Amino acid sequence: MCIRDRLDTSRLDKMTLGSITIIRLLLLPSIGALTLFILSHLEIITDPTMVFVLILTYATPTAINILVQTTQIGDFSKEISQVLMLGYAFCTITMPFVLYLFFTTYILSLIH
């Protein structure tokens, strides 16, 4: 069964699945980066390793644990698996971009 067939059998429409993916992989890292930028300029967070871990946390897709929980409950496990599939597929595009922005802005600002 191909990916398109799996998306067509969902109770969620494609617009909802796309919105969840866009918000999780584009909007949330932007909000997280802005928050980390403010916190680092206020010198609340000064450790570059901590900033890197936090930006990775913001930029990664939803955890697989949610699928395990919905499977145990028995409701919406198919929809959650579709959200996770889209999230991890698009994460291959968004994660390198977020890491590139992190290294070019934050790390270079520490060097200079």
N, C-alpha and C. Protein backbone atom coordinates (compact mmCIF):
# COMPACT_ATOMS: atom_id res chain seq x y z
N MET A 1 0.85 -1.17 0.00
CA MET A 1 0.00 0.00 0.00
C MET A 1 0.90 1.23 0.00
N CYS A 2 0.67 2.15 -0.91
CA CYS A 2 1.52 3.34 -1.00
C CYS A 2 1.05 4.41 -0.01
N ILE A 3 1.88 5.43 0.14
CA ILE A 3 1.62 6.48 1.13
C ILE A 3 0.31 7.20 0.82
N ARG A 4 0.06 7.48 -0.45
CA ARG A 4 -1.17 8.21 -0.80
C ARG A 4 -2.42 7.41 -0.43
N ASP A 5 -2.38 6.10 -0.61
CA ASP A 5 -3.53 5.27 -0.23
C ASP A 5 -3.76 5.31 1.28
N ARG A 6 -2.68 5.34 2.04
CA ARG A 6 -2.82 5.39 3.49
C ARG A 6 -3.41 6.73 3.94
N LEU A 7 -3.04 7.82 3.27
CA LEU A 7 -3.58 9.13 3.64
C LEU A 7 -5.04 9.26 3.26
N ASP A 8 -5.45 8.57 2.20
CA ASP A 8 -6.84 8.67 1.75
C ASP A 8 -7.82 7.95 2.68
N THR A 9 -7.34 7.01 3.49
CA THR A 9 -8.22 6.24 4.37
C THR A 9 -8.34 6.85 5.76
N SER A 10 -7.85 8.04 5.97
CA SER A 10 -7.84 8.66 7.28
C SER A 10 -9.16 9.36 7.58
N ARG A 11 -9.47 9.48 8.89
CA ARG A 11 -10.61 10.28 9.31
C ARG A 11 -10.26 11.77 9.28
N LEU A 12 -8.98 12.07 9.26
CA LEU A 12 -8.53 13.46 9.16
C LEU A 12 -8.32 13.81 7.70
N ASP A 13 -8.69 15.02 7.31
CA ASP A 13 -8.47 15.40 5.93
C ASP A 13 -7.01 15.84 5.74
N LYS A 14 -6.62 15.98 4.49
CA LYS A 14 -5.22 16.29 4.18
C LYS A 14 -4.83 17.67 4.67
N MET A 15 -5.78 18.59 4.72
CA MET A 15 -5.50 19.94 5.21
C MET A 15 -5.13 19.90 6.70
N THR A 16 -5.82 19.11 7.47
CA THR A 16 -5.51 18.99 8.89
C THR A 16 -4.16 18.35 9.11
N LEU A 17 -3.87 17.28 8.38
CA LEU A 17 -2.57 16.62 8.49
C LEU A 17 -1.44 17.57 8.09
N GLY A 18 -1.64 18.31 7.02
CA GLY A 18 -0.63 19.27 6.59
C GLY A 18 -0.44 20.39 7.59
N SER A 19 -1.54 20.86 8.17
CA SER A 19 -1.46 21.94 9.16
C SER A 19 -0.69 21.50 10.40
N ILE A 20 -0.96 20.29 10.86
CA ILE A 20 -0.26 19.77 12.03
C ILE A 20 1.24 19.68 11.74
N THR A 21 1.58 19.18 10.56
CA THR A 21 2.99 19.03 10.18
C THR A 21 3.67 20.38 10.05
N ILE A 22 3.03 21.34 9.42
CA ILE A 22 3.63 22.66 9.24
C ILE A 22 3.81 23.36 10.58
N ILE A 23 2.81 23.30 11.42
CA ILE A 23 2.92 23.95 12.73
C ILE A 23 4.03 23.31 13.55
N ARG A 24 4.09 21.98 13.55
CA ARG A 24 5.08 21.28 14.38
C ARG A 24 6.51 21.46 13.86
N LEU A 25 6.69 21.52 12.54
CA LEU A 25 8.04 21.55 12.00
C LEU A 25 8.51 22.92 11.53
N LEU A 26 7.63 23.89 11.40
CA LEU A 26 8.05 25.23 10.98
C LEU A 26 7.75 26.29 12.03
N LEU A 27 6.53 26.31 12.53
CA LEU A 27 6.15 27.35 13.48
C LEU A 27 6.80 27.14 14.85
N LEU A 28 6.76 25.93 15.36
CA LEU A 28 7.32 25.66 16.69
C LEU A 28 8.83 25.90 16.75
N PRO A 29 9.63 25.46 15.76
CA PRO A 29 11.06 25.82 15.81
C PRO A 29 11.31 27.32 15.72
N SER A 30 10.46 28.03 14.99
CA SER A 30 10.62 29.49 14.91
C SER A 30 10.36 30.14 16.27
N ILE A 31 9.31 29.71 16.93
CA ILE A 31 9.00 30.23 18.27
C ILE A 31 10.10 29.85 19.26
N GLY A 32 10.58 28.61 19.16
CA GLY A 32 11.66 28.16 20.04
C GLY A 32 12.95 28.92 19.81
N ALA A 33 13.29 29.16 18.54
CA ALA A 33 14.51 29.91 18.24
C ALA A 33 14.41 31.34 18.75
N LEU A 34 13.26 31.95 18.60
CA LEU A 34 13.06 33.31 19.11
C LEU A 34 13.18 33.34 20.63
N THR A 35 12.60 32.36 21.28
CA THR A 35 12.69 32.27 22.74
C THR A 35 14.14 32.08 23.18
N LEU A 36 14.86 31.18 22.51
CA LEU A 36 16.26 30.95 22.87
C LEU A 36 17.12 32.16 22.56
N PHE A 37 16.81 32.88 21.49
CA PHE A 37 17.53 34.10 21.16
C PHE A 37 17.37 35.13 22.28
N ILE A 38 16.15 35.31 22.74
CA ILE A 38 15.89 36.28 23.81
C ILE A 38 16.57 35.85 25.11
N LEU A 39 16.45 34.55 25.44
CA LEU A 39 17.05 34.06 26.68
C LEU A 39 18.57 34.12 26.66
N SER A 40 19.16 33.90 25.50
CA SER A 40 20.62 33.97 25.43
C SER A 40 21.12 35.41 25.46
N HIS A 41 20.37 36.34 24.87
CA HIS A 41 20.78 37.73 24.94
C HIS A 41 20.54 38.35 26.32
N LEU A 42 19.60 37.81 27.07
CA LEU A 42 19.41 38.23 28.45
C LEU A 42 20.37 37.49 29.39
N GLU A 43 21.17 36.60 28.83
CA GLU A 43 22.16 35.79 29.55
C GLU A 43 21.53 34.90 30.61
N ILE A 44 20.33 34.43 30.32
CA ILE A 44 19.69 33.44 31.19
C ILE A 44 20.20 32.06 30.83
N ILE A 45 20.35 31.80 29.54
CA ILE A 45 20.95 30.56 29.05
C ILE A 45 22.27 30.95 28.39
N THR A 46 23.38 30.45 28.93
CA THR A 46 24.69 30.80 28.39
C THR A 46 25.44 29.61 27.82
N ASP A 47 25.00 28.41 28.11
CA ASP A 47 25.70 27.22 27.65
C ASP A 47 25.29 26.89 26.21
N PRO A 48 26.22 26.88 25.25
CA PRO A 48 25.88 26.57 23.86
C PRO A 48 25.34 25.15 23.66
N THR A 49 25.80 24.22 24.49
CA THR A 49 25.30 22.85 24.37
C THR A 49 23.83 22.77 24.76
N MET A 50 23.46 23.48 25.79
CA MET A 50 22.06 23.50 26.20
C MET A 50 21.19 24.14 25.13
N VAL A 51 21.67 25.20 24.51
CA VAL A 51 20.92 25.85 23.43
C VAL A 51 20.76 24.88 22.27
N PHE A 52 21.81 24.15 21.94
CA PHE A 52 21.74 23.18 20.84
C PHE A 52 20.73 22.08 21.13
N VAL A 53 20.72 21.56 22.34
CA VAL A 53 19.77 20.51 22.70
C VAL A 53 18.34 21.05 22.66
N LEU A 54 18.14 22.26 23.11
CA LEU A 54 16.80 22.85 23.09
C LEU A 54 16.32 23.10 21.66
N ILE A 55 17.20 23.56 20.78
CA ILE A 55 16.78 23.79 19.39
C ILE A 55 16.49 22.45 18.71
N LEU A 56 17.23 21.40 19.05
CA LEU A 56 16.90 20.07 18.52
C LEU A 56 15.54 19.60 19.01
N THR A 57 15.25 19.87 20.27
CA THR A 57 13.96 19.49 20.83
C THR A 57 12.82 20.21 20.13
N TYR A 58 13.00 21.48 19.84
CA TYR A 58 11.98 22.23 19.12
C TYR A 58 11.80 21.75 17.69
N ALA A 59 12.88 21.30 17.05
CA ALA A 59 12.84 21.01 15.62
C ALA A 59 12.47 19.56 15.28
N THR A 60 12.47 18.68 16.26
CA THR A 60 12.16 17.28 15.96
C THR A 60 10.66 17.05 15.91
N PRO A 61 10.24 16.03 15.14
CA PRO A 61 8.81 15.72 15.07
C PRO A 61 8.29 15.14 16.39
N THR A 62 6.99 14.91 16.41
CA THR A 62 6.32 14.36 17.58
C THR A 62 6.90 12.99 17.92
N ALA A 63 6.94 12.67 19.19
CA ALA A 63 7.55 11.43 19.65
C ALA A 63 6.69 10.21 19.31
N ILE A 64 7.37 9.10 19.15
CA ILE A 64 6.71 7.83 18.86
C ILE A 64 5.87 7.37 20.05
N ASN A 65 6.19 7.85 21.25
CA ASN A 65 5.43 7.45 22.45
C ASN A 65 3.95 7.78 22.33
N ILE A 66 3.63 8.83 21.58
CA ILE A 66 2.22 9.18 21.40
C ILE A 66 1.49 8.08 20.64
N LEU A 67 2.15 7.49 19.66
CA LEU A 67 1.55 6.38 18.91
C LEU A 67 1.33 5.18 19.82
N VAL A 68 2.28 4.90 20.69
CA VAL A 68 2.13 3.78 21.62
C VAL A 68 0.94 4.03 22.55
N GLN A 69 0.81 5.24 23.04
CA GLN A 69 -0.30 5.56 23.95
C GLN A 69 -1.65 5.46 23.24
N THR A 70 -1.73 5.99 22.01
CA THR A 70 -3.01 5.91 21.30
C THR A 70 -3.34 4.49 20.88
N THR A 71 -2.34 3.67 20.62
CA THR A 71 -2.59 2.26 20.30
C THR A 71 -3.14 1.53 21.51
N GLN A 72 -2.61 1.83 22.69
CA GLN A 72 -3.11 1.20 23.91
C GLN A 72 -4.53 1.64 24.22
N ILE A 73 -4.84 2.89 23.96
CA ILE A 73 -6.19 3.38 24.18
C ILE A 73 -7.13 2.86 23.10
N GLY A 74 -6.61 2.75 21.87
CA GLY A 74 -7.40 2.20 20.78
C GLY A 74 -8.12 3.22 19.93
N ASP A 75 -7.85 4.50 20.13
CA ASP A 75 -8.55 5.52 19.38
C ASP A 75 -7.54 6.43 18.68
N PHE A 76 -7.77 6.73 17.44
CA PHE A 76 -6.96 7.64 16.63
C PHE A 76 -5.54 7.15 16.38
N SER A 77 -5.25 5.87 16.55
CA SER A 77 -3.89 5.39 16.31
C SER A 77 -3.52 5.49 14.83
N LYS A 78 -4.49 5.28 13.94
CA LYS A 78 -4.21 5.41 12.52
C LYS A 78 -3.89 6.85 12.15
N GLU A 79 -4.63 7.80 12.70
CA GLU A 79 -4.40 9.20 12.40
C GLU A 79 -3.07 9.68 12.97
N ILE A 80 -2.76 9.24 14.18
CA ILE A 80 -1.48 9.63 14.79
C ILE A 80 -0.32 9.05 13.99
N SER A 81 -0.45 7.82 13.51
CA SER A 81 0.63 7.25 12.70
C SER A 81 0.81 8.02 11.40
N GLN A 82 -0.25 8.56 10.84
CA GLN A 82 -0.12 9.38 9.63
C GLN A 82 0.55 10.71 9.93
N VAL A 83 0.21 11.31 11.06
CA VAL A 83 0.87 12.56 11.46
C VAL A 83 2.36 12.31 11.68
N LEU A 84 2.70 11.20 12.35
CA LEU A 84 4.10 10.87 12.58
C LEU A 84 4.83 10.60 11.26
N MET A 85 4.18 9.88 10.34
CA MET A 85 4.81 9.58 9.05
C MET A 85 5.13 10.87 8.31
N LEU A 86 4.17 11.79 8.23
CA LEU A 86 4.42 13.07 7.56
C LEU A 86 5.48 13.88 8.29
N GLY A 87 5.42 13.87 9.61
CA GLY A 87 6.39 14.63 10.39
C GLY A 87 7.81 14.16 10.17
N TYR A 88 8.02 12.85 10.22
CA TYR A 88 9.37 12.33 10.02
C TYR A 88 9.82 12.46 8.56
N ALA A 89 8.90 12.40 7.62
CA ALA A 89 9.27 12.58 6.22
C ALA A 89 9.72 14.01 5.96
N PHE A 90 8.97 14.99 6.46
CA PHE A 90 9.34 16.38 6.24
C PHE A 90 10.45 16.86 7.16
N CYS A 91 10.71 16.12 8.22
CA CYS A 91 11.81 16.47 9.12
C CYS A 91 13.16 16.33 8.40
N THR A 92 13.22 15.46 7.42
CA THR A 92 14.46 15.33 6.66
C THR A 92 14.77 16.60 5.87
N ILE A 93 13.77 17.42 5.65
CA ILE A 93 13.97 18.70 4.96
C ILE A 93 14.17 19.83 5.97
N THR A 94 13.35 19.86 7.00
CA THR A 94 13.38 21.00 7.92
C THR A 94 14.54 20.94 8.92
N MET A 95 14.92 19.74 9.37
CA MET A 95 15.99 19.62 10.37
C MET A 95 17.33 20.17 9.87
N PRO A 96 17.79 19.82 8.67
CA PRO A 96 19.06 20.43 8.21
C PRO A 96 18.98 21.95 8.10
N PHE A 97 17.83 22.47 7.71
CA PHE A 97 17.66 23.91 7.61
C PHE A 97 17.75 24.58 8.98
N VAL A 98 17.09 24.00 9.98
CA VAL A 98 17.12 24.54 11.34
C VAL A 98 18.54 24.47 11.90
N LEU A 99 19.22 23.35 11.69
CA LEU A 99 20.59 23.22 12.18
C LEU A 99 21.54 24.19 11.47
N TYR A 100 21.35 24.40 10.17
CA TYR A 100 22.15 25.36 9.44
C TYR A 100 21.96 26.77 10.01
N LEU A 101 20.70 27.14 10.25
CA LEU A 101 20.44 28.45 10.84
C LEU A 101 21.05 28.58 12.23
N PHE A 102 20.97 27.50 13.00
CA PHE A 102 21.55 27.52 14.34
C PHE A 102 23.05 27.75 14.28
N PHE A 103 23.73 26.96 13.45
CA PHE A 103 25.19 27.08 13.40
C PHE A 103 25.65 28.38 12.77
N THR A 104 24.93 28.90 11.80
CA THR A 104 25.36 30.14 11.17
C THR A 104 25.04 31.37 12.00
N THR A 105 24.02 31.31 12.82
CA THR A 105 23.67 32.50 13.59
C THR A 105 24.21 32.44 15.02
N TYR A 106 23.86 31.41 15.75
CA TYR A 106 24.21 31.36 17.16
C TYR A 106 25.70 31.09 17.37
N ILE A 107 26.22 30.07 16.74
CA ILE A 107 27.63 29.70 16.95
C ILE A 107 28.55 30.79 16.42
N LEU A 108 28.24 31.34 15.25
CA LEU A 108 29.09 32.40 14.72
C LEU A 108 29.02 33.67 15.56
N SER A 109 27.89 33.91 16.21
CA SER A 109 27.81 35.07 17.10
C SER A 109 28.66 34.85 18.36
N LEU A 110 28.87 33.60 18.77
CA LEU A 110 29.74 33.33 19.92
C LEU A 110 31.22 33.50 19.55
N ILE A 111 31.54 33.19 18.30
CA ILE A 111 32.93 33.27 17.86
C ILE A 111 33.38 34.72 17.73
N HIS A 112 32.51 35.55 17.20
CA HIS A 112 32.89 36.96 16.97
C HIS A 112 32.73 37.77 18.19
